[in-house]
């Protein structure tokens, strides 16, 4: 029986905001809540998913499917968490000859095989980003709480609106009240969208990257992992409460919003 597949693009006009990290951890969080989830590295020029998960070189990749050499179903790998991964090739030869226009057709062949197709798109607003975004049903905007990042996020929002994509909300990553330029209310006012996820700057994320894995898997009780789980629950419409002590959670929220007791 075929599944009803929802395609979600994780997007950001600015690089380095934690987009790929969010895509990886959100995919695993969806799996945790029982959703058959496939994470696709739709960043065909500078792919990161395989590198982040410790398998930069694989026998069959999305690039092989785009070139018609292999069916895309052969480029699907099962992560130990149960999340399915479709990596892209890091080979300069593959990157140089890639045909982005074939991506929607390849993604269509994965419809019905999974509940959620999560696309890690390239940073920017060029064709490389527009093509996977056009193929998606929904978009999730990733940004940092600094003005340069928010300025680029606003451009991403406008692009999504032009393409008539449903924007699920904004995820603010690398939050740290000591050096933030803008509050959550400021961000929502500027982008005219709801902030549905607040991911703290967490040392556990760097430890996970060193281990070539997701923080959701290596440090499941870390602040970042718990917030990714909370974000997934919100998007799926399921009930979830963090396991942090009540006072600790309150302190965390106050820190996020830069509120002093």
C-alpha atoms as a PDB file:
ATOM      1  CA  UNK A   1       0.000   0.000   0.000  1.00  0.00           C
ATOM      2  CA  UNK A   2       1.411   3.358  -1.022  1.00  0.00           C
ATOM      3  CA  UNK A   3       1.975   5.996   1.628  1.00  0.00           C
ATOM      4  CA  UNK A   4       0.761   9.576   1.379  1.00  0.00           C
ATOM      5  CA  UNK A   5       4.026  11.487   1.161  1.00  0.00           C
ATOM      6  CA  UNK A   6       4.570  15.038   2.392  1.00  0.00           C
ATOM      7  CA  UNK A   7       7.598  16.858   0.953  1.00  0.00           C
ATOM      8  CA  UNK A   8       9.186  19.455   3.227  1.00  0.00           C
ATOM      9  CA  UNK A   9      12.068  21.677   2.115  1.00  0.00           C
ATOM     10  CA  UNK A  10      14.455  22.947   4.779  1.00  0.00           C
ATOM     11  CA  UNK A  11      15.622  26.303   3.423  1.00  0.00           C
ATOM     12  CA  UNK A  12      17.873  29.248   4.180  1.00  0.00           C
ATOM     13  CA  UNK A  13      19.368  31.924   1.958  1.00  0.00           C
ATOM     14  CA  UNK A  14      22.394  32.164   4.255  1.00  0.00           C
ATOM     15  CA  UNK A  15      24.923  29.399   4.793  1.00  0.00           C
ATOM     16  CA  UNK A  16      26.227  28.337   8.180  1.00  0.00           C
ATOM     17  CA  UNK A  17      22.953  28.808  10.063  1.00  0.00           C
ATOM     18  CA  UNK A  18      22.528  25.138  10.985  1.00  0.00           C
ATOM     19  CA  UNK A  19      20.257  24.135   8.100  1.00  0.00           C
ATOM     20  CA  UNK A  20      21.792  20.713   7.443  1.00  0.00           C
ATOM     21  CA  UNK A  21      22.097  20.008  11.162  1.00  0.00           C
ATOM     22  CA  UNK A  22      18.416  20.842  11.545  1.00  0.00           C
ATOM     23  CA  UNK A  23      17.427  18.666   8.576  1.00  0.00           C
ATOM     24  CA  UNK A  24      19.337  15.661   9.934  1.00  0.00           C
ATOM     25  CA  UNK A  25      18.060  15.924  13.489  1.00  0.00           C
ATOM     26  CA  UNK A  26      14.505  16.745  12.477  1.00  0.00           C
ATOM     27  CA  UNK A  27      14.421  13.698  10.190  1.00  0.00           C
ATOM     28  CA  UNK A  28      15.517  11.468  13.061  1.00  0.00           C
ATOM     29  CA  UNK A  29      12.995  13.104  15.376  1.00  0.00           C
ATOM     30  CA  UNK A  30      10.200  12.392  12.862  1.00  0.00           C
ATOM     31  CA  UNK A  31      11.340   8.767  12.801  1.00  0.00           C
ATOM     32  CA  UNK A  32      11.309   8.720  16.600  1.00  0.00           C
ATOM     33  CA  UNK A  33       7.622   9.672  16.517  1.00  0.00           C
ATOM     34  CA  UNK A  34       6.816   6.792  14.179  1.00  0.00           C
ATOM     35  CA  UNK A  35       6.916   8.522  10.807  1.00  0.00           C
ATOM     36  CA  UNK A  36       8.620   6.744   7.916  1.00  0.00           C
ATOM     37  CA  UNK A  37      11.048   9.538   7.020  1.00  0.00           C
ATOM     38  CA  UNK A  38      13.451   9.924   4.119  1.00  0.00           C
ATOM     39  CA  UNK A  39      16.089  12.658   4.236  1.00  0.00           C
ATOM     40  CA  UNK A  40      17.296  13.756   0.806  1.00  0.00           C
ATOM     41  CA  UNK A  41      20.503  15.736   0.349  1.00  0.00           C
ATOM     42  CA  UNK A  42      19.154  18.076  -2.315  1.00  0.00           C
ATOM     43  CA  UNK A  43      22.278  20.228  -2.073  1.00  0.00           C
ATOM     44  CA  UNK A  44      23.812  18.943  -5.287  1.00  0.00           C
ATOM     45  CA  UNK A  45      26.841  21.251  -5.367  1.00  0.00           C
ATOM     46  CA  UNK A  46      28.053  21.222  -1.757  1.00  0.00           C
ATOM     47  CA  UNK A  47      26.331  18.215  -0.148  1.00  0.00           C
ATOM     48  CA  UNK A  48      26.776  17.698   3.592  1.00  0.00           C
ATOM     49  CA  UNK A  49      24.517  14.896   4.798  1.00  0.00           C
ATOM     50  CA  UNK A  50      26.880  12.002   4.048  1.00  0.00           C
ATOM     51  CA  UNK A  51      29.849  13.923   5.457  1.00  0.00           C
ATOM     52  CA  UNK A  52      27.965  14.802   8.664  1.00  0.00           C
ATOM     53  CA  UNK A  53      26.937  11.170   9.160  1.00  0.00           C
ATOM     54  CA  UNK A  54      30.390   9.729   8.545  1.00  0.00           C
ATOM     55  CA  UNK A  55      29.725   8.189   5.111  1.00  0.00           C
ATOM     56  CA  UNK A  56      30.968  10.763   2.575  1.00  0.00           C
ATOM     57  CA  UNK A  57      31.490   8.160  -0.162  1.00  0.00           C
ATOM     58  CA  UNK A  58      28.790   5.644  -1.040  1.00  0.00           C
ATOM     59  CA  UNK A  59      28.428   3.303  -4.044  1.00  0.00           C
ATOM     60  CA  UNK A  60      25.169   4.852  -5.302  1.00  0.00           C
ATOM     61  CA  UNK A  61      24.053   8.445  -4.721  1.00  0.00           C
ATOM     62  CA  UNK A  62      21.382  10.894  -5.809  1.00  0.00           C
ATOM     63  CA  UNK A  63      23.732  12.046  -8.580  1.00  0.00           C
ATOM     64  CA  UNK A  64      23.626   8.547 -10.119  1.00  0.00           C
ATOM     65  CA  UNK A  65      19.839   8.728 -10.172  1.00  0.00           C
ATOM     66  CA  UNK A  66      19.892  12.212 -11.698  1.00  0.00           C
ATOM     67  CA  UNK A  67      22.153  10.930 -14.482  1.00  0.00           C
ATOM     68  CA  UNK A  68      19.847   7.967 -15.113  1.00  0.00           C
ATOM     69  CA  UNK A  69      22.503   5.448 -14.152  1.00  0.00           C
ATOM     70  CA  UNK A  70      20.547   3.975 -11.246  1.00  0.00           C
ATOM     71  CA  UNK A  71      16.969   4.221  -9.942  1.00  0.00           C
ATOM     72  CA  UNK A  72      16.716   6.567  -6.976  1.00  0.00           C
ATOM     73  CA  UNK A  73      15.389   3.725  -4.831  1.00  0.00           C
ATOM     74  CA  UNK A  74      18.880   2.202  -5.027  1.00  0.00           C
ATOM     75  CA  UNK A  75      20.331   5.390  -3.473  1.00  0.00           C
ATOM     76  CA  UNK A  76      18.268   5.036  -0.288  1.00  0.00           C
ATOM     77  CA  UNK A  77      20.254   3.953   2.777  1.00  0.00           C
ATOM     78  CA  UNK A  78      18.912   3.016   6.200  1.00  0.00           C
ATOM     79  CA  UNK A  79      20.491   4.835   9.148  1.00  0.00           C
ATOM     80  CA  UNK A  80      20.727   2.981  12.462  1.00  0.00           C
ATOM     81  CA  UNK A  81      17.944   5.214  13.815  1.00  0.00           C
ATOM     82  CA  UNK A  82      15.567   3.911  11.155  1.00  0.00           C
ATOM     83  CA  UNK A  83      15.691   7.128   9.135  1.00  0.00           C
ATOM     84  CA  UNK A  84      16.204   6.664   5.400  1.00  0.00           C
ATOM     85  CA  UNK A  85      18.955   8.731   3.794  1.00  0.00           C
ATOM     86  CA  UNK A  86      19.451   9.669   0.140  1.00  0.00           C
ATOM     87  CA  UNK A  87      22.985  11.134  -0.031  1.00  0.00           C
ATOM     88  CA  UNK A  88      24.461  13.222  -2.819  1.00  0.00           C
ATOM     89  CA  UNK A  89      27.909  12.693  -4.300  1.00  0.00           C
ATOM     90  CA  UNK A  90      30.841  14.814  -3.132  1.00  0.00           C
ATOM     91  CA  UNK A  91      32.822  13.996  -6.291  1.00  0.00           C
ATOM     92  CA  UNK A  92      33.816  17.103  -8.230  1.00  0.00           C
ATOM     93  CA  UNK A  93      33.194  15.181 -11.470  1.00  0.00           C
ATOM     94  CA  UNK A  94      29.592  14.440 -10.446  1.00  0.00           C
ATOM     95  CA  UNK A  95      29.000  17.970  -9.176  1.00  0.00           C
ATOM     96  CA  UNK A  96      30.305  19.483 -12.413  1.00  0.00           C
ATOM     97  CA  UNK A  97      27.967  17.442 -14.629  1.00  0.00           C
ATOM     98  CA  UNK A  98      24.837  17.352 -12.480  1.00  0.00           C
ATOM     99  CA  UNK A  99      21.479  18.160 -14.069  1.00  0.00           C
ATOM    100  CA  UNK A 100      19.328  19.869 -11.439  1.00  0.00           C
ATOM    101  CA  UNK A 101      16.259  19.754 -13.682  1.00  0.00           C
ATOM    102  CA  UNK A 102      15.945  15.988 -13.167  1.00  0.00           C
ATOM    103  CA  UNK A 103      15.480  16.332  -9.391  1.00  0.00           C
ATOM    104  CA  UNK A 104      11.654  16.696  -9.315  1.00  0.00           C
ATOM    105  CA  UNK A 105      11.231  13.520 -11.398  1.00  0.00           C
ATOM    106  CA  UNK A 106      13.528  11.584  -9.046  1.00  0.00           C
ATOM    107  CA  UNK A 107      11.672  12.844  -5.983  1.00  0.00           C
ATOM    108  CA  UNK A 108       8.350  11.831  -7.539  1.00  0.00           C
ATOM    109  CA  UNK A 109       9.622   8.255  -7.683  1.00  0.00           C
ATOM    110  CA  UNK A 110      10.032   8.294  -3.892  1.00  0.00           C
ATOM    111  CA  UNK A 111       6.440   9.391  -3.344  1.00  0.00           C
ATOM    112  CA  UNK A 112       4.398   6.601  -1.836  1.00  0.00           C
ATOM    113  CA  UNK A 113       7.475   4.937  -0.304  1.00  0.00           C
ATOM    114  CA  UNK A 114       7.693   7.158   2.774  1.00  0.00           C
ATOM    115  CA  UNK A 115       5.538   9.404   4.968  1.00  0.00           C
ATOM    116  CA  UNK A 116       7.864  12.408   4.852  1.00  0.00           C
ATOM    117  CA  UNK A 117      10.460  13.461   2.293  1.00  0.00           C
ATOM    118  CA  UNK A 118      12.682  16.020   4.005  1.00  0.00           C
ATOM    119  CA  UNK A 119      14.874  17.996   1.612  1.00  0.00           C
ATOM    120  CA  UNK A 120      18.094  19.643   2.748  1.00  0.00           C
ATOM    121  CA  UNK A 121      18.329  22.383   0.116  1.00  0.00           C
ATOM    122  CA  UNK A 122      21.368  24.486  -0.843  1.00  0.00           C
ATOM    123  CA  UNK A 123      21.836  27.843   0.861  1.00  0.00           C
ATOM    124  CA  UNK A 124      21.006  30.770  -1.395  1.00  0.00           C
ATOM    125  CA  UNK A 125      18.260  31.880  -3.760  1.00  0.00           C
ATOM    126  CA  UNK A 126      19.575  30.575  -7.075  1.00  0.00           C
ATOM    127  CA  UNK A 127      18.269  27.834  -9.377  1.00  0.00           C
ATOM    128  CA  UNK A 128      19.900  25.135  -7.238  1.00  0.00           C
ATOM    129  CA  UNK A 129      17.582  26.116  -4.365  1.00  0.00           C
ATOM    130  CA  UNK A 130      14.499  26.983  -6.399  1.00  0.00           C
ATOM    131  CA  UNK A 131      14.217  23.564  -8.080  1.00  0.00           C
ATOM    132  CA  UNK A 132      13.929  21.461  -4.884  1.00  0.00           C
ATOM    133  CA  UNK A 133      11.759  24.144  -3.303  1.00  0.00           C
ATOM    134  CA  UNK A 134       9.354  23.958  -6.252  1.00  0.00           C
ATOM    135  CA  UNK A 135       9.139  20.191  -5.755  1.00  0.00           C
ATOM    136  CA  UNK A 136       8.175  20.579  -2.091  1.00  0.00           C
ATOM    137  CA  UNK A 137       4.748  20.980  -0.538  1.00  0.00           C
ATOM    138  CA  UNK A 138       5.966  22.942   2.473  1.00  0.00           C
ATOM    139  CA  UNK A 139       8.977  24.998   3.527  1.00  0.00           C
ATOM    140  CA  UNK A 140      10.713  25.389   6.871  1.00  0.00           C
ATOM    141  CA  UNK A 141      12.792  28.565   7.250  1.00  0.00           C
ATOM    142  CA  UNK A 142      16.060  28.295   9.201  1.00  0.00           C
ATOM    143  CA  UNK A 143      17.800  31.384  10.603  1.00  0.00           C
ATOM    144  CA  UNK A 144      20.039  32.688  13.372  1.00  0.00           C
ATOM    145  CA  UNK A 145      19.016  35.547  15.708  1.00  0.00           C
ATOM    146  CA  UNK A 146      21.336  38.081  14.056  1.00  0.00           C
ATOM    147  CA  UNK A 147      20.365  40.801  11.592  1.00  0.00           C
ATOM    148  CA  UNK A 148      22.433  39.562   8.587  1.00  0.00           C
ATOM    149  CA  UNK A 149      20.846  36.134   8.903  1.00  0.00           C
ATOM    150  CA  UNK A 150      17.360  37.611   9.368  1.00  0.00           C
ATOM    151  CA  UNK A 151      17.781  39.822   6.296  1.00  0.00           C
ATOM    152  CA  UNK A 152      18.547  36.736   4.209  1.00  0.00           C
ATOM    153  CA  UNK A 153      15.705  34.818   5.892  1.00  0.00           C
ATOM    154  CA  UNK A 154      13.303  37.521   4.768  1.00  0.00           C
ATOM    155  CA  UNK A 155      14.455  37.003   1.177  1.00  0.00           C
ATOM    156  CA  UNK A 156      13.841  33.265   1.596  1.00  0.00           C
ATOM    157  CA  UNK A 157      10.331  33.963   2.879  1.00  0.00           C
ATOM    158  CA  UNK A 158       9.596  36.176  -0.145  1.00  0.00           C
ATOM    159  CA  UNK A 159      10.864  33.454  -2.495  1.00  0.00           C
ATOM    160  CA  UNK A 160       8.625  30.845  -0.857  1.00  0.00           C
ATOM    161  CA  UNK A 161       5.672  33.173  -1.139  1.00  0.00           C
ATOM    162  CA  UNK A 162       6.379  33.834  -4.823  1.00  0.00           C
ATOM    163  CA  UNK A 163       6.451  30.075  -5.411  1.00  0.00           C
ATOM    164  CA  UNK A 164       3.202  29.775  -3.419  1.00  0.00           C
ATOM    165  CA  UNK A 165       4.721  27.358  -0.919  1.00  0.00           C
ATOM    166  CA  UNK A 166       3.157  26.787   2.482  1.00  0.00           C
ATOM    167  CA  UNK A 167       5.617  28.022   5.106  1.00  0.00           C
ATOM    168  CA  UNK A 168       5.400  25.857   8.214  1.00  0.00           C
ATOM    169  CA  UNK A 169       7.243  28.407  10.334  1.00  0.00           C
ATOM    170  CA  UNK A 170      10.672  29.612  11.374  1.00  0.00           C
ATOM    171  CA  UNK A 171      13.344  27.729  13.294  1.00  0.00           C
ATOM    172  CA  UNK A 172      15.878  29.925  15.092  1.00  0.00           C
ATOM    173  CA  UNK A 173      19.134  28.066  15.671  1.00  0.00           C
ATOM    174  CA  UNK A 174      22.321  28.745  17.653  1.00  0.00           C
ATOM    175  CA  UNK A 175      20.453  30.887  20.184  1.00  0.00           C
ATOM    176  CA  UNK A 176      22.520  32.398  22.954  1.00  0.00           C
ATOM    177  CA  UNK A 177      21.168  35.359  24.911  1.00  0.00           C
ATOM    178  CA  UNK A 178      24.672  36.735  25.479  1.00  0.00           C
ATOM    179  CA  UNK A 179      25.241  37.648  21.838  1.00  0.00           C
ATOM    180  CA  UNK A 180      21.835  37.780  20.179  1.00  0.00           C
ATOM    181  CA  UNK A 181      20.871  40.897  18.258  1.00  0.00           C
ATOM    182  CA  UNK A 182      17.144  40.199  18.157  1.00  0.00           C
ATOM    183  CA  UNK A 183      14.483  38.699  20.399  1.00  0.00           C
ATOM    184  CA  UNK A 184      12.021  36.048  19.237  1.00  0.00           C
ATOM    185  CA  UNK A 185       9.301  38.715  19.092  1.00  0.00           C
ATOM    186  CA  UNK A 186      11.550  40.878  16.899  1.00  0.00           C
ATOM    187  CA  UNK A 187      12.154  37.951  14.550  1.00  0.00           C
ATOM    188  CA  UNK A 188       8.449  37.145  14.261  1.00  0.00           C
ATOM    189  CA  UNK A 189       7.633  40.789  13.599  1.00  0.00           C
ATOM    190  CA  UNK A 190      10.314  41.104  10.930  1.00  0.00           C
ATOM    191  CA  UNK A 191       9.450  37.885   9.078  1.00  0.00           C
ATOM    192  CA  UNK A 192       5.711  38.034   9.822  1.00  0.00           C
ATOM    193  CA  UNK A 193       5.838  34.337  10.661  1.00  0.00           C
ATOM    194  CA  UNK A 194       5.662  32.245  13.816  1.00  0.00           C
ATOM    195  CA  UNK A 195       8.877  30.949  15.346  1.00  0.00           C
ATOM    196  CA  UNK A 196       8.040  27.278  15.927  1.00  0.00           C
ATOM    197  CA  UNK A 197      11.494  26.073  16.990  1.00  0.00           C
ATOM    198  CA  UNK A 198      14.265  27.529  19.146  1.00  0.00           C
ATOM    199  CA  UNK A 199      17.478  25.504  19.061  1.00  0.00           C
ATOM    200  CA  UNK A 200      20.125  26.575  21.584  1.00  0.00           C
ATOM    201  CA  UNK A 201      23.814  26.862  20.854  1.00  0.00           C
ATOM    202  CA  UNK A 202      24.829  23.548  22.371  1.00  0.00           C
ATOM    203  CA  UNK A 203      28.298  22.084  22.764  1.00  0.00           C
ATOM    204  CA  UNK A 204      26.750  18.639  22.278  1.00  0.00           C
ATOM    205  CA  UNK A 205      26.125  19.489  18.600  1.00  0.00           C
ATOM    206  CA  UNK A 206      29.862  19.936  18.004  1.00  0.00           C
ATOM    207  CA  UNK A 207      30.597  16.707  19.899  1.00  0.00           C
ATOM    208  CA  UNK A 208      28.092  14.907  17.675  1.00  0.00           C
ATOM    209  CA  UNK A 209      29.722  16.304  14.525  1.00  0.00           C
ATOM    210  CA  UNK A 210      33.080  15.036  15.779  1.00  0.00           C
ATOM    211  CA  UNK A 211      31.512  11.592  16.166  1.00  0.00           C
ATOM    212  CA  UNK A 212      30.025  11.871  12.641  1.00  0.00           C
ATOM    213  CA  UNK A 213      26.491  11.521  13.901  1.00  0.00           C
ATOM    214  CA  UNK A 214      23.420  13.546  14.836  1.00  0.00           C
ATOM    215  CA  UNK A 215      23.118  15.107  18.282  1.00  0.00           C
ATOM    216  CA  UNK A 216      19.651  13.537  18.441  1.00  0.00           C
ATOM    217  CA  UNK A 217      21.412  10.172  18.448  1.00  0.00           C
ATOM    218  CA  UNK A 218      24.623  10.846  20.371  1.00  0.00           C
ATOM    219  CA  UNK A 219      23.223  13.150  23.079  1.00  0.00           C
ATOM    220  CA  UNK A 220      19.459  12.452  23.220  1.00  0.00           C
ATOM    221  CA  UNK A 221      18.999  14.353  26.492  1.00  0.00           C
ATOM    222  CA  UNK A 222      20.953  17.444  25.416  1.00  0.00           C
ATOM    223  CA  UNK A 223      19.142  20.777  25.156  1.00  0.00           C
ATOM    224  CA  UNK A 224      19.451  20.810  21.347  1.00  0.00           C
ATOM    225  CA  UNK A 225      18.189  17.235  20.909  1.00  0.00           C
ATOM    226  CA  UNK A 226      15.184  17.877  23.144  1.00  0.00           C
ATOM    227  CA  UNK A 227      14.279  20.991  21.181  1.00  0.00           C
ATOM    228  CA  UNK A 228      14.524  19.124  17.862  1.00  0.00           C
ATOM    229  CA  UNK A 229      12.192  16.515  19.326  1.00  0.00           C
ATOM    230  CA  UNK A 230       9.826  19.271  20.447  1.00  0.00           C
ATOM    231  CA  UNK A 231       9.924  20.822  16.968  1.00  0.00           C
ATOM    232  CA  UNK A 232       9.099  17.488  15.319  1.00  0.00           C
ATOM    233  CA  UNK A 233       6.209  16.942  17.726  1.00  0.00           C
ATOM    234  CA  UNK A 234       4.848  20.390  16.903  1.00  0.00           C
ATOM    235  CA  UNK A 235       4.995  19.763  13.159  1.00  0.00           C
ATOM    236  CA  UNK A 236       3.352  16.364  13.537  1.00  0.00           C
ATOM    237  CA  UNK A 237       0.701  17.664  15.914  1.00  0.00           C
ATOM    238  CA  UNK A 238       1.562  15.188  18.658  1.00  0.00           C
ATOM    239  CA  UNK A 239       1.922  15.793  22.377  1.00  0.00           C
ATOM    240  CA  UNK A 240       5.442  15.923  23.741  1.00  0.00           C
ATOM    241  CA  UNK A 241       6.991  17.218  26.944  1.00  0.00           C
ATOM    242  CA  UNK A 242      10.718  17.509  27.509  1.00  0.00           C
ATOM    243  CA  UNK A 243      12.276  15.490  30.286  1.00  0.00           C
ATOM    244  CA  UNK A 244      14.090  18.516  31.670  1.00  0.00           C
ATOM    245  CA  UNK A 245      13.162  19.473  35.243  1.00  0.00           C
ATOM    246  CA  UNK A 246      10.508  22.180  35.330  1.00  0.00           C
ATOM    247  CA  UNK A 247      12.836  24.849  36.726  1.00  0.00           C
ATOM    248  CA  UNK A 248      15.547  24.048  34.217  1.00  0.00           C
ATOM    249  CA  UNK A 249      13.069  24.321  31.365  1.00  0.00           C
ATOM    250  CA  UNK A 250      11.862  27.667  32.701  1.00  0.00           C
ATOM    251  CA  UNK A 251      15.422  28.927  32.926  1.00  0.00           C
ATOM    252  CA  UNK A 252      15.999  27.789  29.337  1.00  0.00           C
ATOM    253  CA  UNK A 253      12.936  29.623  28.042  1.00  0.00           C
ATOM    254  CA  UNK A 254      13.895  32.779  29.920  1.00  0.00           C
ATOM    255  CA  UNK A 255      17.347  32.577  28.409  1.00  0.00           C
ATOM    256  CA  UNK A 256      15.924  32.142  24.895  1.00  0.00           C
ATOM    257  CA  UNK A 257      13.757  35.222  25.275  1.00  0.00           C
ATOM    258  CA  UNK A 258      16.452  37.188  27.094  1.00  0.00           C
ATOM    259  CA  UNK A 259      14.146  37.764  30.056  1.00  0.00           C
ATOM    260  CA  UNK A 260      15.470  38.409  33.542  1.00  0.00           C
ATOM    261  CA  UNK A 261      13.490  37.156  36.490  1.00  0.00           C
END
